[in-house]
Amino acid sequence: MIGTYGTAKIGVSTITDANVQYLRDTDLGLPYRGTKSENEVPAKGTIATMDAIATANQGGGYSSGTKQPITGIMTSNNGGENLFLSALAGENDNITFSATGGTGSGATFTGTTIYRIGHMVANLPFSFGSATTLPTTTVDGSTAGISGVAANGALANFIVKARGNTITEVIVEEKTPAGADGQGTGYIIGEAITISKAAMDADGSLGVVSGPITVFPTIDHVTNGANIIKVLNGGSGYTVGDTLSLTQISPAQKGTPIGDSTGELATVVVATLGGALNTPGEITKYPTGIINTGTAGAIQVKDVAGNTVILGAMQPGIVRRFSFSQVMGAGTGPAVGEVTILY
């Protein structure tokens, strides 16, 4: 505010302990009560919390920092600090993810990985289980990828191998390049997958088999998905409702996520944006008035933006209300001691 005067200083040639006034061509700002300005401002699109979209959006193919599987499923939690049920192992893997999509940029997240109930790992042999009778075959060999039947899972293809006229191994076919469904979807650990006699006979690589074969996926047969528990960097420019896809950046991802480039990346949605504090520093108070106490003449000053301003024909005893940062030596007519500044 202009004109709230409380302190007056007279120009001097040299500042000393006994002569504490001001010098020309020097900054005249004074710290105001030694405080700092701290103002809450609207968030510039910084993510405060996120929310899971659905279990199916955990993604696949991520690595685990400790290589320990954890169990649980994705849940909706607007607090954003734990998007899954409690983990049993690997809880502090410190996986780091970058985010793509939405209206902003720069967000990163940290958390763990979780075995995804859905996609199958290729080339990993199944255990047949004690309840399954292995059918005999008439020909040793290996089938192409053929379908199996499960109550929930679908779309994965299985390779059945036989030796010594006995089926010895069943693995999931690796699709190259990986299709949108990768190695199937919707499979559940422990759920029976049955490969029928008709499907194996139709392939013909094993001749004629005596009956169907049933396998049971374990935790080793499903892919790693993301368990996001914390915002590392909220980034900027985001809006509530943005959907973000998460790419693992640390530790180095082991393999490529199954499926297309986006369909199998874990996704989260921006739930809330955070506030921000603007703290420019100490408040500086500058003079808001100036008086010529000598003969009439021009006084040259710098305003608070650094522009040079000439206050022409300043008459003695007249207060000019003006906010400025310096009184200039050059261009100022009244002598030292004849110009008083007011705060």
Protein backbone atom coordinates (compact mmCIF):
# COMPACT_ATOMS: atom_id res chain seq x y z
CA MET A 1 0.00 0.00 0.00
CA ILE A 2 1.33 3.45 -0.94
CA GLY A 3 1.59 6.00 1.88
CA THR A 4 1.72 3.77 4.98
CA TYR A 5 4.76 5.53 6.38
CA GLY A 6 6.47 4.29 9.51
CA THR A 7 10.20 4.75 8.94
CA ALA A 8 12.12 7.71 7.49
CA LYS A 9 15.72 7.63 6.30
CA ILE A 10 17.96 10.46 5.09
CA GLY A 11 20.56 10.04 2.39
CA VAL A 12 24.16 9.92 3.66
CA SER A 13 27.52 9.65 1.93
CA THR A 14 28.71 6.76 4.13
CA ILE A 15 26.74 4.46 6.37
CA THR A 16 28.30 3.98 9.82
CA ASP A 17 27.14 2.53 13.11
CA ALA A 18 26.31 6.05 14.30
CA ASN A 19 24.80 7.16 10.99
CA VAL A 20 22.40 4.40 9.93
CA GLN A 21 20.63 5.90 6.94
CA TYR A 22 20.68 4.97 3.25
CA LEU A 23 23.10 5.21 0.37
CA ARG A 24 22.21 6.10 -3.21
CA ASP A 25 22.48 3.40 -5.88
CA THR A 26 21.75 0.66 -3.32
CA ASP A 27 18.72 -1.60 -2.85
CA LEU A 28 16.46 -0.07 -0.20
CA GLY A 29 14.39 -3.19 0.55
CA LEU A 30 13.95 -4.17 4.18
CA PRO A 31 12.87 -7.63 5.45
CA TYR A 32 9.37 -7.32 6.86
CA ARG A 33 9.25 -8.92 10.33
CA GLY A 34 11.61 -11.62 9.06
CA THR A 35 8.64 -13.74 7.91
CA LYS A 36 8.10 -15.73 4.78
CA SER A 37 5.14 -15.62 2.46
CA GLU A 38 3.39 -18.99 2.27
CA ASN A 39 0.24 -19.19 0.20
CA GLU A 40 -1.80 -22.25 -0.70
CA VAL A 41 -2.47 -22.27 -4.42
CA PRO A 42 -4.56 -24.59 -6.61
CA ALA A 43 -2.73 -27.78 -7.59
CA LYS A 44 -1.16 -27.68 -11.02
CA GLY A 45 -2.44 -31.13 -11.88
CA THR A 46 -0.34 -32.93 -9.26
CA ILE A 47 -1.65 -36.40 -8.40
CA ALA A 48 -2.39 -36.83 -4.70
CA THR A 49 -4.17 -40.20 -4.73
CA MET A 50 -5.10 -42.75 -7.34
CA ASP A 51 -7.59 -45.56 -7.50
CA ALA A 52 -7.65 -48.99 -9.12
CA ILE A 53 -9.97 -49.49 -12.07
CA ALA A 54 -10.50 -53.24 -11.85
CA THR A 55 -8.74 -56.49 -11.10
CA ALA A 56 -8.31 -57.08 -14.83
CA ASN A 57 -6.13 -53.98 -15.08
CA GLN A 58 -3.22 -55.26 -12.98
CA GLY A 59 -1.29 -55.85 -16.18
CA GLY A 60 1.19 -58.63 -16.76
CA GLY A 61 4.84 -59.45 -17.31
CA TYR A 62 6.27 -57.26 -14.54
CA SER A 63 9.25 -58.38 -12.49
CA SER A 64 9.50 -58.56 -8.73
CA GLY A 65 12.41 -56.97 -6.89
CA THR A 66 12.88 -59.95 -4.59
CA LYS A 67 11.40 -62.53 -6.96
CA GLN A 68 8.92 -63.46 -4.26
CA PRO A 69 5.29 -64.01 -5.26
CA ILE A 70 2.62 -62.25 -3.25
CA THR A 71 -1.06 -63.00 -3.09
CA GLY A 72 -4.12 -60.80 -3.08
CA ILE A 73 -6.37 -59.04 -5.55
CA MET A 74 -6.77 -55.46 -6.63
CA THR A 75 -9.41 -53.55 -4.70
CA SER A 76 -10.85 -50.07 -4.98
CA ASN A 77 -9.46 -47.74 -2.33
CA ASN A 78 -9.74 -44.00 -2.77
CA GLY A 79 -6.99 -43.43 -0.21
CA GLY A 80 -4.52 -44.69 -2.78
CA GLU A 81 -2.08 -46.08 -0.20
CA ASN A 82 -2.98 -49.73 -0.72
CA LEU A 83 -4.80 -50.78 -3.85
CA PHE A 84 -4.60 -54.47 -3.01
CA LEU A 85 -5.36 -56.76 -0.15
CA SER A 86 -2.40 -57.37 2.14
CA ALA A 87 0.60 -59.02 0.55
CA LEU A 88 2.11 -62.16 2.03
CA ALA A 89 5.60 -61.71 0.60
CA GLY A 90 7.64 -59.27 -1.45
CA GLU A 91 5.83 -56.37 0.17
CA ASN A 92 8.87 -54.09 0.06
CA ASP A 93 10.08 -54.82 -3.43
CA ASN A 94 10.20 -51.11 -4.28
CA ILE A 95 9.24 -51.51 -7.89
CA THR A 96 9.13 -48.15 -9.71
CA PHE A 97 6.69 -47.37 -12.51
CA SER A 98 6.38 -44.47 -14.93
CA ALA A 99 2.96 -43.35 -16.15
CA THR A 100 1.67 -42.60 -19.62
CA GLY A 101 -1.71 -41.28 -20.68
CA GLY A 102 -4.10 -38.72 -19.26
CA THR A 103 -3.67 -34.98 -19.57
CA GLY A 104 -0.43 -34.60 -17.62
CA SER A 105 3.10 -35.94 -17.41
CA GLY A 106 5.86 -36.79 -14.98
CA ALA A 107 4.00 -39.01 -12.51
CA THR A 108 5.82 -42.01 -11.06
CA PHE A 109 4.65 -44.67 -8.64
CA THR A 110 6.22 -47.28 -6.41
CA GLY A 111 4.96 -50.55 -5.01
CA THR A 112 5.32 -54.26 -5.55
CA THR A 113 4.22 -56.85 -8.04
CA ILE A 114 1.48 -59.41 -7.60
CA TYR A 115 0.78 -62.64 -9.40
CA ARG A 116 -2.05 -61.91 -11.78
CA ILE A 117 -4.90 -64.36 -11.87
CA GLY A 118 -5.57 -64.51 -15.57
CA HIS A 119 -2.76 -65.00 -18.08
CA MET A 120 -0.67 -68.14 -18.32
CA VAL A 121 3.13 -68.29 -18.43
CA ALA A 122 4.36 -69.93 -21.64
CA ASN A 123 6.61 -73.00 -21.71
CA LEU A 124 6.24 -73.85 -18.02
CA PRO A 125 5.31 -77.54 -17.50
CA PHE A 126 2.17 -78.34 -15.52
CA SER A 127 1.92 -80.91 -12.78
CA PHE A 128 -0.67 -83.52 -13.67
CA GLY A 129 -1.74 -84.15 -10.10
CA SER A 130 -2.44 -87.46 -8.40
CA ALA A 131 -6.12 -87.43 -9.34
CA THR A 132 -5.40 -87.54 -13.07
CA THR A 133 -4.82 -90.74 -15.00
CA LEU A 134 -2.45 -90.15 -17.87
CA PRO A 135 -3.83 -91.48 -21.13
CA THR A 136 -1.58 -93.70 -23.23
CA THR A 137 -0.87 -92.88 -26.85
CA THR A 138 -0.02 -94.82 -29.96
CA VAL A 139 2.58 -92.32 -31.25
CA ASP A 140 5.39 -90.41 -29.53
CA GLY A 141 5.43 -86.72 -30.44
CA SER A 142 4.32 -83.18 -29.67
CA THR A 143 1.08 -81.47 -30.63
CA ALA A 144 0.64 -77.98 -31.93
CA GLY A 145 -1.17 -75.57 -29.64
CA ILE A 146 -4.62 -76.93 -28.89
CA SER A 147 -7.35 -75.51 -26.67
CA GLY A 148 -8.28 -76.62 -23.18
CA VAL A 149 -11.51 -76.17 -21.26
CA ALA A 150 -11.72 -74.39 -17.88
CA ALA A 151 -14.63 -73.00 -15.90
CA ASN A 152 -13.26 -69.47 -16.01
CA GLY A 153 -10.08 -69.29 -18.07
CA ALA A 154 -10.06 -69.22 -21.86
CA LEU A 155 -8.04 -68.61 -25.01
CA ALA A 156 -4.72 -70.18 -23.98
CA ASN A 157 -3.43 -72.98 -26.18
CA PHE A 158 -1.59 -76.03 -24.82
CA ILE A 159 1.16 -78.20 -26.25
CA VAL A 160 0.97 -81.86 -25.22
CA LYS A 161 4.10 -84.01 -25.45
CA ALA A 162 4.40 -87.80 -25.33
CA ARG A 163 7.28 -90.25 -25.12
CA GLY A 164 7.27 -93.94 -24.73
CA ASN A 165 3.62 -93.87 -25.73
CA THR A 166 2.81 -91.92 -22.54
CA ILE A 167 1.97 -88.23 -22.20
CA THR A 168 4.89 -86.69 -20.34
CA GLU A 169 4.41 -82.92 -20.44
CA VAL A 170 1.85 -80.17 -21.00
CA ILE A 171 2.94 -76.56 -21.48
CA VAL A 172 1.24 -73.35 -22.58
CA GLU A 173 1.98 -72.32 -26.14
CA GLU A 174 3.88 -69.06 -26.51
CA LYS A 175 2.16 -66.81 -29.02
CA THR A 176 4.65 -64.95 -31.22
CA PRO A 177 4.04 -62.16 -31.69
CA ALA A 178 1.87 -62.00 -28.59
CA GLY A 179 -1.73 -61.29 -29.47
CA ALA A 180 -4.09 -59.02 -27.56
CA ASP A 181 -5.05 -61.97 -25.37
CA GLY A 182 -1.51 -63.26 -24.87
CA GLN A 183 -1.56 -66.63 -23.17
CA GLY A 184 -5.27 -66.55 -22.46
CA THR A 185 -7.25 -64.76 -19.82
CA GLY A 186 -9.34 -65.38 -16.71
CA TYR A 187 -7.52 -68.44 -15.38
CA ILE A 188 -7.59 -69.16 -11.64
CA ILE A 189 -4.92 -70.91 -9.60
CA GLY A 190 -5.97 -74.50 -8.90
CA GLU A 191 -8.77 -74.49 -11.45
CA ALA A 192 -8.89 -77.61 -13.58
CA ILE A 193 -8.01 -77.23 -17.27
CA THR A 194 -9.07 -80.22 -19.38
CA ILE A 195 -7.61 -81.04 -22.78
CA SER A 196 -10.03 -83.37 -24.45
CA LYS A 197 -9.31 -86.64 -26.25
CA ALA A 198 -11.07 -85.23 -29.29
CA ALA A 199 -8.76 -82.20 -29.44
CA MET A 200 -5.60 -84.35 -29.16
CA ASP A 201 -6.88 -86.90 -31.68
CA ALA A 202 -7.80 -84.10 -34.11
CA ASP A 203 -4.24 -82.76 -33.94
CA GLY A 204 -2.97 -86.22 -34.87
CA SER A 205 0.60 -85.75 -33.63
CA LEU A 206 0.10 -88.32 -30.86
CA GLY A 207 -1.98 -90.73 -32.86
CA VAL A 208 -5.05 -91.76 -30.86
CA VAL A 209 -5.00 -91.16 -27.10
CA SER A 210 -7.03 -93.14 -24.62
CA GLY A 211 -8.73 -90.19 -22.91
CA PRO A 212 -8.59 -86.54 -21.80
CA ILE A 213 -5.90 -85.01 -19.59
CA THR A 214 -6.42 -82.46 -16.81
CA VAL A 215 -3.87 -80.01 -15.44
CA PHE A 216 -4.02 -77.52 -12.59
CA PRO A 217 -2.34 -74.08 -12.72
CA THR A 218 -0.22 -73.11 -9.72
CA ILE A 219 0.98 -69.67 -8.69
CA ASP A 220 3.97 -70.24 -10.97
CA HIS A 221 1.77 -70.43 -14.05
CA VAL A 222 0.24 -66.96 -13.88
CA THR A 223 1.96 -63.71 -14.75
CA ASN A 224 3.15 -60.88 -12.55
CA GLY A 225 0.90 -57.85 -12.31
CA ALA A 226 1.44 -54.50 -10.59
CA ASN A 227 0.60 -53.70 -6.97
CA ILE A 228 0.76 -49.91 -6.74
CA ILE A 229 0.79 -48.55 -3.21
CA LYS A 230 2.28 -45.05 -3.30
CA VAL A 231 2.66 -41.94 -5.47
CA LEU A 232 6.36 -41.12 -5.81
CA ASN A 233 5.99 -38.00 -7.96
CA GLY A 234 2.60 -36.49 -8.65
CA GLY A 235 3.76 -34.89 -11.90
CA SER A 236 1.75 -32.01 -13.33
CA GLY A 237 -1.12 -31.28 -15.68
CA TYR A 238 -3.34 -34.20 -14.66
CA THR A 239 -7.09 -34.07 -14.08
CA VAL A 240 -9.30 -36.23 -11.89
CA GLY A 241 -10.43 -39.29 -13.82
CA ASP A 242 -7.33 -39.57 -16.01
CA THR A 243 -6.48 -43.19 -16.80
CA LEU A 244 -2.76 -43.94 -16.60
CA SER A 245 -0.86 -46.96 -17.89
CA LEU A 246 2.13 -48.07 -15.83
CA THR A 247 5.47 -49.18 -17.27
CA GLN A 248 8.04 -50.72 -14.95
CA ILE A 249 11.30 -48.74 -14.96
CA SER A 250 13.13 -50.20 -11.94
CA PRO A 251 14.33 -52.84 -11.50
CA ALA A 252 14.76 -53.59 -15.17
CA GLN A 253 11.69 -55.35 -16.45
CA LYS A 254 12.16 -59.05 -17.05
CA GLY A 255 10.59 -59.64 -20.44
CA THR A 256 7.85 -57.80 -22.27
CA PRO A 257 4.30 -57.52 -20.91
CA ILE A 258 2.13 -60.17 -22.50
CA GLY A 259 -0.25 -58.93 -25.17
CA ASP A 260 -0.25 -55.67 -27.08
CA SER A 261 1.74 -52.60 -26.02
CA THR A 262 -1.03 -51.10 -23.91
CA GLY A 263 -3.60 -53.80 -23.23
CA GLU A 264 -1.52 -55.57 -20.60
CA LEU A 265 -0.02 -52.61 -18.77
CA ALA A 266 -1.49 -52.06 -15.31
CA THR A 267 -3.77 -49.03 -15.15
CA VAL A 268 -4.87 -46.65 -12.41
CA VAL A 269 -7.21 -43.71 -12.43
CA VAL A 270 -6.42 -40.32 -10.89
CA ALA A 271 -8.68 -39.95 -7.84
CA THR A 272 -7.66 -36.58 -6.34
CA LEU A 273 -5.20 -33.78 -6.98
CA GLY A 274 -2.98 -32.35 -4.28
CA GLY A 275 -2.71 -28.79 -3.03
CA ALA A 276 0.49 -26.81 -3.30
CA LEU A 277 2.26 -24.16 -1.26
CA ASN A 278 3.80 -21.14 -2.90
CA THR A 279 6.69 -19.94 -0.74
CA PRO A 280 8.54 -17.17 -2.56
CA GLY A 281 10.69 -16.29 0.47
CA GLU A 282 10.95 -13.36 2.84
CA ILE A 283 8.58 -10.45 2.35
CA THR A 284 10.61 -7.37 1.38
CA LYS A 285 9.33 -3.89 2.17
CA TYR A 286 10.31 -0.99 -0.10
CA PRO A 287 9.92 2.79 0.33
CA THR A 288 6.54 4.17 -0.63
CA GLY A 289 7.24 7.90 -0.39
CA ILE A 290 10.05 10.42 -1.00
CA ILE A 291 10.63 14.06 0.09
CA ASN A 292 13.00 16.73 -1.23
CA THR A 293 14.14 18.83 1.78
CA GLY A 294 16.63 20.98 -0.21
CA THR A 295 16.26 23.08 -3.33
CA ALA A 296 13.81 22.13 -6.07
CA GLY A 297 15.16 19.62 -8.54
CA ALA A 298 14.72 16.23 -10.20
CA ILE A 299 15.13 12.99 -8.28
CA GLN A 300 15.88 9.85 -10.25
CA VAL A 301 14.83 6.46 -8.83
CA LYS A 302 14.34 2.84 -9.84
CA ASP A 303 10.88 1.40 -9.40
CA VAL A 304 10.41 -2.09 -7.91
CA ALA A 305 10.44 -3.59 -11.42
CA GLY A 306 13.89 -2.11 -12.12
CA ASN A 307 12.77 0.70 -14.43
CA THR A 308 14.42 4.13 -14.12
CA VAL A 309 11.92 6.87 -13.28
CA ILE A 310 12.60 10.61 -13.14
CA LEU A 311 10.57 12.56 -10.57
CA GLY A 312 10.97 15.98 -12.16
CA ALA A 313 10.97 19.40 -10.39
CA MET A 314 10.49 17.95 -6.91
CA GLN A 315 9.50 20.85 -4.66
CA PRO A 316 10.80 21.00 -1.07
CA GLY A 317 8.55 19.54 1.63
CA ILE A 318 6.19 17.77 -0.79
CA VAL A 319 5.77 14.03 -0.29
CA ARG A 320 5.70 12.11 -3.57
CA ARG A 321 3.89 8.82 -3.06
CA PHE A 322 5.77 6.31 -5.14
CA SER A 323 7.08 2.77 -4.56
CA PHE A 324 10.73 2.43 -5.54
CA SER A 325 13.84 0.33 -4.86
CA GLN A 326 16.73 2.80 -5.25
CA VAL A 327 17.56 6.49 -5.30
CA MET A 328 20.01 7.07 -8.11
CA GLY A 329 23.19 9.10 -7.70
CA ALA A 330 23.25 10.22 -11.32
CA GLY A 331 20.30 12.39 -12.33
CA THR A 332 19.31 13.41 -8.78
CA GLY A 333 19.57 17.18 -8.19
CA PRO A 334 19.19 17.60 -4.40
CA ALA A 335 22.40 16.87 -2.53
CA VAL A 336 23.09 14.05 -0.10
CA GLY A 337 21.12 14.71 3.08
CA GLU A 338 18.41 16.63 1.23
CA VAL A 339 16.33 13.63 0.15
CA THR A 340 14.35 11.64 2.73
CA ILE A 341 12.72 8.30 1.97
CA LEU A 342 9.63 7.00 3.75
CA TYR A 343 8.57 3.39 4.40
